[in-house]
Amino acid sequence: MRKLYDALDRFCGRHPYWGIPNLMRYIIIGTVIFYALNLVTAGVSYSLLAYSTAGVLKGEVWRLVTFVFVSPYGYSSIFSSNVINFALFLYFYYWIGSILEDYWGTPKFTIYYLSGAVLTILASIILYLTGGGDYIMGTHYVNLAMFLACAVLIPETVIRLFFIIPVKMKWVAWADLLLLAYDILRAAGRHNWGGVMAPIVALLNFVLFFYPYFSRKVQRERVRTGRQAVRFRQTVKASQAPKAFNHRCSVCGKTDAEYPNMSFRYCSRCAGYHCFCEEHIFNHVHFTEE
């Protein structure tokens, strides 16, 4: 898998102008147009634009592209809360997509998003061919996986939930993962295998791109906490610890460990056992017994 990731990096490096610049802008514009169309047709256009393997086999090949623009909010009155949620959805994912494109570059971001869409199509085809049914799919979970990618790359970035509450992106990512797990379990309980496959495929796309990143991170942690690293830190700590001494000046406190080339003498006129360096052996006040 690492070889595949390295090949992807080489391709992006050799073809810096490949891809679709400002991809999320076009996706947002298309989503707005299809959402408005959905409002006008009271949801009829949704069944015509979302991905359906049976529909594609009937010649409705436009579904291979238009499902990318299908909103997860369905259709409702223009004055409903769904429209507000839809607007927040567009703003948030446009922001996330712009960050990823700036961080990765246009080629890699384009491949990441389109690979998620392609894997969604493949999952739907597999379900259809194995008798699991024909499930209508969009790219809602591909967008959620896009947020996970952003959270891994810049986890300490602070975002404001509802434009008020400051939260680090890494904590929102954990909530995102819990939401994906909940959707998978709920869909499995209802025997909605399309609802199970869609988030799993989005997570698979995320893992394919970030497995080398996590692998290198684990290796660095092993090196940091490994036996050799611990021994190295212990050796450094021991070398920085104060060394034992045999002689210490009773006036200035110098020791033979700190000054190995200095001579130390003991004064016979002092009461007791007192050592002095060469600077104070003849220049000190004699100790007397009290």
C-alpha atoms as a PDB file:
ATOM      1  CA  MET A   1       0.000   0.000   0.000  1.00  0.00           C
ATOM      2  CA  ARG A   2       2.904   2.329   0.724  1.00  0.00           C
ATOM      3  CA  LYS A   3       4.217   1.755  -2.807  1.00  0.00           C
ATOM      4  CA  LEU A   4       0.821   2.789  -4.183  1.00  0.00           C
ATOM      5  CA  TYR A   5       0.882   5.908  -1.994  1.00  0.00           C
ATOM      6  CA  ASP A   6       4.426   6.769  -3.131  1.00  0.00           C
ATOM      7  CA  ALA A   7       3.375   6.275  -6.755  1.00  0.00           C
ATOM      8  CA  LEU A   8       0.480   8.680  -6.156  1.00  0.00           C
ATOM      9  CA  ASP A   9       2.861  11.272  -4.698  1.00  0.00           C
ATOM     10  CA  ARG A  10       5.204  10.896  -7.680  1.00  0.00           C
ATOM     11  CA  PHE A  11       2.312  11.294 -10.108  1.00  0.00           C
ATOM     12  CA  CYS A  12       1.096  14.441  -8.356  1.00  0.00           C
ATOM     13  CA  GLY A  13       4.627  15.831  -8.270  1.00  0.00           C
ATOM     14  CA  ARG A  14       5.201  15.191 -11.982  1.00  0.00           C
ATOM     15  CA  HIS A  15       1.764  16.495 -13.020  1.00  0.00           C
ATOM     16  CA  PRO A  16       1.125  19.583 -10.852  1.00  0.00           C
ATOM     17  CA  TYR A  17      -1.507  20.938 -13.254  1.00  0.00           C
ATOM     18  CA  TRP A  18      -3.537  17.740 -13.474  1.00  0.00           C
ATOM     19  CA  GLY A  19      -6.957  17.694 -11.832  1.00  0.00           C
ATOM     20  CA  ILE A  20      -9.828  20.123 -11.430  1.00  0.00           C
ATOM     21  CA  PRO A  21      -8.853  23.416  -9.765  1.00  0.00           C
ATOM     22  CA  ASN A  22     -11.432  24.615  -7.222  1.00  0.00           C
ATOM     23  CA  LEU A  23     -13.246  21.279  -7.488  1.00  0.00           C
ATOM     24  CA  MET A  24     -15.411  21.962  -4.430  1.00  0.00           C
ATOM     25  CA  ARG A  25     -16.629  25.217  -5.948  1.00  0.00           C
ATOM     26  CA  TYR A  26     -18.053  23.357  -8.939  1.00  0.00           C
ATOM     27  CA  ILE A  27     -19.536  20.666  -6.704  1.00  0.00           C
ATOM     28  CA  ILE A  28     -21.206  23.303  -4.519  1.00  0.00           C
ATOM     29  CA  ILE A  29     -22.618  25.158  -7.532  1.00  0.00           C
ATOM     30  CA  GLY A  30     -23.951  21.919  -9.013  1.00  0.00           C
ATOM     31  CA  THR A  31     -25.439  20.909  -5.659  1.00  0.00           C
ATOM     32  CA  VAL A  32     -27.264  24.242  -5.361  1.00  0.00           C
ATOM     33  CA  ILE A  33     -28.682  23.911  -8.881  1.00  0.00           C
ATOM     34  CA  PHE A  34     -29.893  20.350  -8.324  1.00  0.00           C
ATOM     35  CA  TYR A  35     -31.288  21.217  -4.892  1.00  0.00           C
ATOM     36  CA  ALA A  36     -33.329  24.057  -6.436  1.00  0.00           C
ATOM     37  CA  LEU A  37     -34.476  21.675  -9.157  1.00  0.00           C
ATOM     38  CA  ASN A  38     -35.478  19.207  -6.477  1.00  0.00           C
ATOM     39  CA  LEU A  39     -37.576  21.868  -4.741  1.00  0.00           C
ATOM     40  CA  VAL A  40     -39.349  22.723  -7.982  1.00  0.00           C
ATOM     41  CA  THR A  41     -40.079  19.111  -8.900  1.00  0.00           C
ATOM     42  CA  ALA A  42     -41.011  18.087  -5.314  1.00  0.00           C
ATOM     43  CA  GLY A  43     -38.321  15.450  -5.158  1.00  0.00           C
ATOM     44  CA  VAL A  44     -38.866  13.853  -8.567  1.00  0.00           C
ATOM     45  CA  SER A  45     -35.450  14.952  -9.849  1.00  0.00           C
ATOM     46  CA  TYR A  46     -33.739  13.237  -6.911  1.00  0.00           C
ATOM     47  CA  SER A  47     -34.781   9.813  -8.178  1.00  0.00           C
ATOM     48  CA  LEU A  48     -33.517  10.767 -11.640  1.00  0.00           C
ATOM     49  CA  LEU A  49     -30.140  12.193 -10.594  1.00  0.00           C
ATOM     50  CA  ALA A  50     -28.951   9.985  -7.700  1.00  0.00           C
ATOM     51  CA  TYR A  51     -26.833   6.964  -8.505  1.00  0.00           C
ATOM     52  CA  SER A  52     -28.702   3.776  -9.314  1.00  0.00           C
ATOM     53  CA  THR A  53     -27.064   0.712 -10.864  1.00  0.00           C
ATOM     54  CA  ALA A  54     -30.362  -0.399 -12.404  1.00  0.00           C
ATOM     55  CA  GLY A  55     -30.822   3.068 -13.887  1.00  0.00           C
ATOM     56  CA  VAL A  56     -27.318   3.096 -15.384  1.00  0.00           C
ATOM     57  CA  LEU A  57     -27.907  -0.342 -16.919  1.00  0.00           C
ATOM     58  CA  LYS A  58     -31.049   1.087 -18.539  1.00  0.00           C
ATOM     59  CA  GLY A  59     -28.930   3.751 -20.245  1.00  0.00           C
ATOM     60  CA  GLU A  60     -29.230   6.556 -17.686  1.00  0.00           C
ATOM     61  CA  VAL A  61     -25.475   7.123 -17.734  1.00  0.00           C
ATOM     62  CA  TRP A  62     -25.764  10.704 -16.443  1.00  0.00           C
ATOM     63  CA  ARG A  63     -26.236   9.226 -12.970  1.00  0.00           C
ATOM     64  CA  LEU A  64     -22.505   8.405 -12.939  1.00  0.00           C
ATOM     65  CA  VAL A  65     -21.855  12.152 -12.646  1.00  0.00           C
ATOM     66  CA  THR A  66     -24.985  13.782 -11.253  1.00  0.00           C
ATOM     67  CA  PHE A  67     -25.038  11.726  -8.038  1.00  0.00           C
ATOM     68  CA  VAL A  68     -22.055  13.798  -6.865  1.00  0.00           C
ATOM     69  CA  PHE A  69     -24.350  16.847  -6.701  1.00  0.00           C
ATOM     70  CA  VAL A  70     -27.203  15.165  -4.824  1.00  0.00           C
ATOM     71  CA  SER A  71     -27.829  16.749  -1.414  1.00  0.00           C
ATOM     72  CA  PRO A  72     -28.545  14.542   1.621  1.00  0.00           C
ATOM     73  CA  TYR A  73     -31.309  16.962   2.678  1.00  0.00           C
ATOM     74  CA  GLY A  74     -33.863  15.896   0.091  1.00  0.00           C
ATOM     75  CA  TYR A  75     -36.544  18.468  -0.755  1.00  0.00           C
ATOM     76  CA  SER A  76     -38.770  20.678   1.376  1.00  0.00           C
ATOM     77  CA  SER A  77     -40.210  24.159   1.542  1.00  0.00           C
ATOM     78  CA  ILE A  78     -37.726  26.955   0.934  1.00  0.00           C
ATOM     79  CA  PHE A  79     -38.685  28.363   4.344  1.00  0.00           C
ATOM     80  CA  SER A  80     -37.978  25.144   6.260  1.00  0.00           C
ATOM     81  CA  SER A  81     -35.027  24.454   8.562  1.00  0.00           C
ATOM     82  CA  ASN A  82     -33.665  22.027   5.951  1.00  0.00           C
ATOM     83  CA  VAL A  83     -32.681  24.985   3.780  1.00  0.00           C
ATOM     84  CA  ILE A  84     -30.643  26.467   6.649  1.00  0.00           C
ATOM     85  CA  ASN A  85     -28.972  23.096   7.253  1.00  0.00           C
ATOM     86  CA  PHE A  86     -28.299  22.825   3.547  1.00  0.00           C
ATOM     87  CA  ALA A  87     -26.624  26.259   3.489  1.00  0.00           C
ATOM     88  CA  LEU A  88     -24.427  25.342   6.477  1.00  0.00           C
ATOM     89  CA  PHE A  89     -23.589  22.038   4.780  1.00  0.00           C
ATOM     90  CA  LEU A  90     -22.416  23.853   1.653  1.00  0.00           C
ATOM     91  CA  TYR A  91     -20.378  26.422   3.555  1.00  0.00           C
ATOM     92  CA  PHE A  92     -18.642  23.857   5.771  1.00  0.00           C
ATOM     93  CA  TYR A  93     -17.651  21.430   3.038  1.00  0.00           C
ATOM     94  CA  TYR A  94     -16.522  24.178   0.705  1.00  0.00           C
ATOM     95  CA  TRP A  95     -14.236  25.400   3.493  1.00  0.00           C
ATOM     96  CA  ILE A  96     -12.934  21.877   4.197  1.00  0.00           C
ATOM     97  CA  GLY A  97     -12.360  21.172   0.504  1.00  0.00           C
ATOM     98  CA  SER A  98     -10.475  24.450   0.027  1.00  0.00           C
ATOM     99  CA  ILE A  99      -8.182  23.629   2.969  1.00  0.00           C
ATOM    100  CA  LEU A 100      -7.407  20.159   1.609  1.00  0.00           C
ATOM    101  CA  GLU A 101      -6.721  21.454  -1.889  1.00  0.00           C
ATOM    102  CA  ASP A 102      -4.359  24.115  -0.524  1.00  0.00           C
ATOM    103  CA  TYR A 103      -2.601  21.534   1.674  1.00  0.00           C
ATOM    104  CA  TRP A 104      -2.342  18.694  -0.859  1.00  0.00           C
ATOM    105  CA  GLY A 105      -2.489  20.487  -4.153  1.00  0.00           C
ATOM    106  CA  THR A 106      -5.110  20.146  -6.879  1.00  0.00           C
ATOM    107  CA  PRO A 107      -4.035  16.735  -8.279  1.00  0.00           C
ATOM    108  CA  LYS A 108      -4.082  14.842  -4.981  1.00  0.00           C
ATOM    109  CA  PHE A 109      -7.295  16.419  -3.735  1.00  0.00           C
ATOM    110  CA  THR A 110      -9.035  15.666  -7.036  1.00  0.00           C
ATOM    111  CA  ILE A 111      -7.929  12.026  -6.857  1.00  0.00           C
ATOM    112  CA  TYR A 112      -9.036  11.749  -3.217  1.00  0.00           C
ATOM    113  CA  TYR A 113     -12.541  13.033  -3.893  1.00  0.00           C
ATOM    114  CA  LEU A 114     -13.071  11.187  -7.175  1.00  0.00           C
ATOM    115  CA  SER A 115     -11.732   7.902  -5.753  1.00  0.00           C
ATOM    116  CA  GLY A 116     -14.338   8.167  -2.991  1.00  0.00           C
ATOM    117  CA  ALA A 117     -17.046   8.671  -5.613  1.00  0.00           C
ATOM    118  CA  VAL A 118     -15.773   5.745  -7.712  1.00  0.00           C
ATOM    119  CA  LEU A 119     -15.654   3.423  -4.694  1.00  0.00           C
ATOM    120  CA  THR A 120     -19.262   4.400  -3.906  1.00  0.00           C
ATOM    121  CA  ILE A 121     -20.285   3.371  -7.415  1.00  0.00           C
ATOM    122  CA  LEU A 122     -18.397   0.082  -7.154  1.00  0.00           C
ATOM    123  CA  ALA A 123     -20.061  -0.701  -3.811  1.00  0.00           C
ATOM    124  CA  SER A 124     -23.490  -0.103  -5.325  1.00  0.00           C
ATOM    125  CA  ILE A 125     -22.672  -2.356  -8.287  1.00  0.00           C
ATOM    126  CA  ILE A 126     -21.451  -5.142  -5.979  1.00  0.00           C
ATOM    127  CA  LEU A 127     -24.644  -4.944  -3.917  1.00  0.00           C
ATOM    128  CA  TYR A 128     -26.751  -5.051  -7.068  1.00  0.00           C
ATOM    129  CA  LEU A 129     -24.921  -8.036  -8.589  1.00  0.00           C
ATOM    130  CA  THR A 130     -24.945 -10.020  -5.329  1.00  0.00           C
ATOM    131  CA  GLY A 131     -28.699  -9.619  -4.906  1.00  0.00           C
ATOM    132  CA  GLY A 132     -28.436  -6.992  -2.200  1.00  0.00           C
ATOM    133  CA  GLY A 133     -30.789  -4.660  -4.050  1.00  0.00           C
ATOM    134  CA  ASP A 134     -30.470  -1.430  -5.994  1.00  0.00           C
ATOM    135  CA  TYR A 135     -29.624   1.350  -3.567  1.00  0.00           C
ATOM    136  CA  ILE A 136     -29.686   5.015  -4.491  1.00  0.00           C
ATOM    137  CA  MET A 137     -26.446   6.628  -3.315  1.00  0.00           C
ATOM    138  CA  GLY A 138     -24.913  10.069  -3.069  1.00  0.00           C
ATOM    139  CA  THR A 139     -21.586  11.425  -1.827  1.00  0.00           C
ATOM    140  CA  HIS A 140     -22.671  12.472   1.667  1.00  0.00           C
ATOM    141  CA  TYR A 141     -20.246  10.056   3.341  1.00  0.00           C
ATOM    142  CA  VAL A 142     -17.480  10.978   0.915  1.00  0.00           C
ATOM    143  CA  ASN A 143     -17.798  14.517   2.260  1.00  0.00           C
ATOM    144  CA  LEU A 144     -17.648  13.253   5.853  1.00  0.00           C
ATOM    145  CA  ALA A 145     -14.460  11.335   5.024  1.00  0.00           C
ATOM    146  CA  MET A 146     -13.085  14.525   3.513  1.00  0.00           C
ATOM    147  CA  PHE A 147     -13.515  16.169   6.903  1.00  0.00           C
ATOM    148  CA  LEU A 148     -11.637  13.278   8.558  1.00  0.00           C
ATOM    149  CA  ALA A 149      -8.725  13.874   6.193  1.00  0.00           C
ATOM    150  CA  CYS A 150      -8.656  17.533   7.145  1.00  0.00           C
ATOM    151  CA  ALA A 151      -8.792  16.676  10.853  1.00  0.00           C
ATOM    152  CA  VAL A 152      -5.784  14.367  10.535  1.00  0.00           C
ATOM    153  CA  LEU A 153      -3.692  16.946   8.701  1.00  0.00           C
ATOM    154  CA  ILE A 154      -4.523  19.940  10.924  1.00  0.00           C
ATOM    155  CA  PRO A 155      -5.985  18.467  14.145  1.00  0.00           C
ATOM    156  CA  GLU A 156      -5.315  21.500  16.344  1.00  0.00           C
ATOM    157  CA  THR A 157      -7.256  23.927  14.150  1.00  0.00           C
ATOM    158  CA  VAL A 158     -10.155  25.475  16.063  1.00  0.00           C
ATOM    159  CA  ILE A 159     -13.570  25.618  14.433  1.00  0.00           C
ATOM    160  CA  ARG A 160     -16.699  27.195  15.874  1.00  0.00           C
ATOM    161  CA  LEU A 161     -19.740  24.975  16.131  1.00  0.00           C
ATOM    162  CA  PHE A 162     -22.852  26.964  15.277  1.00  0.00           C
ATOM    163  CA  PHE A 163     -20.399  29.887  14.787  1.00  0.00           C
ATOM    164  CA  ILE A 164     -20.153  30.198  18.597  1.00  0.00           C
ATOM    165  CA  ILE A 165     -18.562  27.216  20.386  1.00  0.00           C
ATOM    166  CA  PRO A 166     -14.784  26.851  19.773  1.00  0.00           C
ATOM    167  CA  VAL A 167     -13.757  23.209  19.345  1.00  0.00           C
ATOM    168  CA  LYS A 168     -10.566  21.671  18.009  1.00  0.00           C
ATOM    169  CA  MET A 169     -11.039  19.835  14.752  1.00  0.00           C
ATOM    170  CA  LYS A 170      -9.694  16.551  16.137  1.00  0.00           C
ATOM    171  CA  TRP A 171     -12.542  16.330  18.675  1.00  0.00           C
ATOM    172  CA  VAL A 172     -15.151  16.993  15.990  1.00  0.00           C
ATOM    173  CA  ALA A 173     -13.501  14.217  13.956  1.00  0.00           C
ATOM    174  CA  TRP A 174     -14.093  11.738  16.786  1.00  0.00           C
ATOM    175  CA  ALA A 175     -17.741  12.800  16.831  1.00  0.00           C
ATOM    176  CA  ASP A 176     -17.762  12.299  13.061  1.00  0.00           C
ATOM    177  CA  LEU A 177     -16.499   8.732  13.490  1.00  0.00           C
ATOM    178  CA  LEU A 178     -19.163   8.019  16.105  1.00  0.00           C
ATOM    179  CA  LEU A 179     -21.802   9.316  13.699  1.00  0.00           C
ATOM    180  CA  LEU A 180     -20.500   7.010  10.959  1.00  0.00           C
ATOM    181  CA  ALA A 181     -20.557   4.033  13.345  1.00  0.00           C
ATOM    182  CA  TYR A 182     -24.112   4.885  14.413  1.00  0.00           C
ATOM    183  CA  ASP A 183     -25.279   5.147  10.789  1.00  0.00           C
ATOM    184  CA  ILE A 184     -23.703   1.783   9.970  1.00  0.00           C
ATOM    185  CA  LEU A 185     -25.347   0.032  12.935  1.00  0.00           C
ATOM    186  CA  ARG A 186     -28.721   1.648  12.308  1.00  0.00           C
ATOM    187  CA  ALA A 187     -28.651   0.701   8.616  1.00  0.00           C
ATOM    188  CA  ALA A 188     -27.611  -2.861   9.473  1.00  0.00           C
ATOM    189  CA  GLY A 189     -30.506  -3.119  11.929  1.00  0.00           C
ATOM    190  CA  ARG A 190     -32.889  -2.134   9.147  1.00  0.00           C
ATOM    191  CA  HIS A 191     -31.189  -4.473   6.628  1.00  0.00           C
ATOM    192  CA  ASN A 192     -30.354  -1.409   4.552  1.00  0.00           C
ATOM    193  CA  TRP A 193     -27.116  -2.757   3.075  1.00  0.00           C
ATOM    194  CA  GLY A 194     -26.640   0.293   0.905  1.00  0.00           C
ATOM    195  CA  GLY A 195     -26.680   2.405   4.056  1.00  0.00           C
ATOM    196  CA  VAL A 196     -24.054   0.068   5.516  1.00  0.00           C
ATOM    197  CA  MET A 197     -21.769   0.091   2.494  1.00  0.00           C
ATOM    198  CA  ALA A 198     -21.776   3.834   1.817  1.00  0.00           C
ATOM    199  CA  PRO A 199     -20.022   4.917   5.064  1.00  0.00           C
ATOM    200  CA  ILE A 200     -17.719   1.861   5.020  1.00  0.00           C
ATOM    201  CA  VAL A 201     -16.589   2.701   1.490  1.00  0.00           C
ATOM    202  CA  ALA A 202     -15.954   6.328   2.472  1.00  0.00           C
ATOM    203  CA  LEU A 203     -13.834   5.151   5.425  1.00  0.00           C
ATOM    204  CA  LEU A 204     -12.019   2.719   3.129  1.00  0.00           C
ATOM    205  CA  ASN A 205     -11.067   5.594   0.837  1.00  0.00           C
ATOM    206  CA  PHE A 206      -9.805   7.529   3.864  1.00  0.00           C
ATOM    207  CA  VAL A 207      -7.743   4.552   5.084  1.00  0.00           C
ATOM    208  CA  LEU A 208      -6.240   3.949   1.631  1.00  0.00           C
ATOM    209  CA  PHE A 209      -4.914   7.498   1.561  1.00  0.00           C
ATOM    210  CA  PHE A 210      -3.793   7.751   5.172  1.00  0.00           C
ATOM    211  CA  TYR A 211      -2.500   4.243   5.942  1.00  0.00           C
ATOM    212  CA  PRO A 212       1.142   5.231   5.132  1.00  0.00           C
ATOM    213  CA  TYR A 213       0.753   8.355   7.271  1.00  0.00           C
ATOM    214  CA  PHE A 214      -0.459   6.353  10.281  1.00  0.00           C
ATOM    215  CA  SER A 215       2.138   3.649   9.637  1.00  0.00           C
ATOM    216  CA  ARG A 216       5.004   6.145   9.752  1.00  0.00           C
ATOM    217  CA  LYS A 217       3.530   7.743  12.854  1.00  0.00           C
ATOM    218  CA  VAL A 218       3.419   4.371  14.645  1.00  0.00           C
ATOM    219  CA  GLN A 219       7.018   3.668  13.639  1.00  0.00           C
ATOM    220  CA  ARG A 220       8.172   7.032  14.982  1.00  0.00           C
ATOM    221  CA  GLU A 221       6.373   6.335  18.252  1.00  0.00           C
ATOM    222  CA  ARG A 222       8.048   2.936  18.508  1.00  0.00           C
ATOM    223  CA  VAL A 223      11.432   4.547  17.953  1.00  0.00           C
ATOM    224  CA  ARG A 224      10.671   7.202  20.553  1.00  0.00           C
ATOM    225  CA  THR A 225       9.568   4.696  23.197  1.00  0.00           C
ATOM    226  CA  GLY A 226      11.770   1.748  22.147  1.00  0.00           C
ATOM    227  CA  ARG A 227      14.439   0.127  24.284  1.00  0.00           C
ATOM    228  CA  GLN A 228      17.312   1.823  22.466  1.00  0.00           C
ATOM    229  CA  ALA A 229      15.671   5.236  22.801  1.00  0.00           C
ATOM    230  CA  VAL A 230      15.136   4.676  26.528  1.00  0.00           C
ATOM    231  CA  ARG A 231      18.771   3.629  26.962  1.00  0.00           C
ATOM    232  CA  PHE A 232      19.919   6.688  25.033  1.00  0.00           C
ATOM    233  CA  ARG A 233      17.875   9.016  27.244  1.00  0.00           C
ATOM    234  CA  GLN A 234      19.195   7.283  30.360  1.00  0.00           C
ATOM    235  CA  THR A 235      22.778   7.699  29.114  1.00  0.00           C
ATOM    236  CA  VAL A 236      22.255  11.386  28.391  1.00  0.00           C
ATOM    237  CA  LYS A 237      20.657  11.907  31.783  1.00  0.00           C
ATOM    238  CA  ALA A 238      23.535  10.136  33.509  1.00  0.00           C
ATOM    239  CA  SER A 239      26.091  12.224  31.627  1.00  0.00           C
ATOM    240  CA  GLN A 240      24.312  15.413  32.679  1.00  0.00           C
ATOM    241  CA  ALA A 241      24.100  14.406  36.335  1.00  0.00           C
ATOM    242  CA  PRO A 242      26.656  15.982  38.687  1.00  0.00           C
ATOM    243  CA  LYS A 243      29.719  13.778  39.066  1.00  0.00           C
ATOM    244  CA  ALA A 244      31.013  12.553  42.432  1.00  0.00           C
ATOM    245  CA  PHE A 245      34.099  14.310  43.825  1.00  0.00           C
ATOM    246  CA  ASN A 246      36.918  13.447  46.177  1.00  0.00           C
ATOM    247  CA  HIS A 247      37.995  16.941  47.207  1.00  0.00           C
ATOM    248  CA  ARG A 248      35.978  20.110  47.710  1.00  0.00           C
ATOM    249  CA  CYS A 249      37.225  23.564  48.698  1.00  0.00           C
ATOM    250  CA  SER A 250      35.727  24.674  52.002  1.00  0.00           C
ATOM    251  CA  VAL A 251      35.762  28.335  50.818  1.00  0.00           C
ATOM    252  CA  CYS A 252      34.622  28.504  47.209  1.00  0.00           C
ATOM    253  CA  GLY A 253      33.128  25.016  46.821  1.00  0.00           C
ATOM    254  CA  LYS A 254      35.190  23.997  43.783  1.00  0.00           C
ATOM    255  CA  THR A 255      35.672  20.237  43.406  1.00  0.00           C
ATOM    256  CA  ASP A 256      38.232  18.045  41.700  1.00  0.00           C
ATOM    257  CA  ALA A 257      35.427  16.694  39.487  1.00  0.00           C
ATOM    258  CA  GLU A 258      34.733  20.174  38.091  1.00  0.00           C
ATOM    259  CA  TYR A 259      38.393  21.226  38.003  1.00  0.00           C
ATOM    260  CA  PRO A 260      40.476  18.087  37.466  1.00  0.00           C
ATOM    261  CA  ASN A 261      43.692  20.062  36.822  1.00  0.00           C
ATOM    262  CA  MET A 262      43.501  22.051  40.042  1.00  0.00           C
ATOM    263  CA  SER A 263      45.475  21.074  43.160  1.00  0.00           C
ATOM    264  CA  PHE A 264      43.645  20.577  46.452  1.00  0.00           C
ATOM    265  CA  ARG A 265      45.329  20.582  49.857  1.00  0.00           C
ATOM    266  CA  TYR A 266      44.346  20.095  53.488  1.00  0.00           C
ATOM    267  CA  CYS A 267      45.292  22.671  56.106  1.00  0.00           C
ATOM    268  CA  SER A 268      47.087  21.281  59.166  1.00  0.00           C
ATOM    269  CA  ARG A 269      46.345  24.404  61.215  1.00  0.00           C
ATOM    270  CA  CYS A 270      42.570  24.111  60.839  1.00  0.00           C
ATOM    271  CA  ALA A 271      40.632  22.152  63.406  1.00  0.00           C
ATOM    272  CA  GLY A 272      39.066  19.190  61.737  1.00  0.00           C
ATOM    273  CA  TYR A 273      39.447  17.875  58.225  1.00  0.00           C
ATOM    274  CA  HIS A 274      39.128  20.818  55.789  1.00  0.00           C
ATOM    275  CA  CYS A 275      40.172  20.913  52.152  1.00  0.00           C
ATOM    276  CA  PHE A 276      41.098  24.002  50.135  1.00  0.00           C
ATOM    277  CA  CYS A 277      41.849  24.663  46.483  1.00  0.00           C
ATOM    278  CA  GLU A 278      45.156  26.120  45.393  1.00  0.00           C
ATOM    279  CA  GLU A 279      43.660  29.621  45.475  1.00  0.00           C
ATOM    280  CA  HIS A 280      42.574  29.395  49.117  1.00  0.00           C
ATOM    281  CA  ILE A 281      45.078  27.053  50.756  1.00  0.00           C
ATOM    282  CA  PHE A 282      47.096  30.072  51.916  1.00  0.00           C
ATOM    283  CA  ASN A 283      44.190  32.508  51.872  1.00  0.00           C
ATOM    284  CA  HIS A 284      41.520  31.477  54.295  1.00  0.00           C
ATOM    285  CA  VAL A 285      40.387  31.886  57.853  1.00  0.00           C
ATOM    286  CA  HIS A 286      41.420  28.896  59.909  1.00  0.00           C
ATOM    287  CA  PHE A 287      38.678  26.733  61.343  1.00  0.00           C
ATOM    288  CA  THR A 288      38.794  26.439  65.130  1.00  0.00           C
ATOM    289  CA  GLU A 289      37.064  24.143  67.523  1.00  0.00           C
ATOM    290  CA  GLU A 290      34.039  25.694  69.175  1.00  0.00           C
END
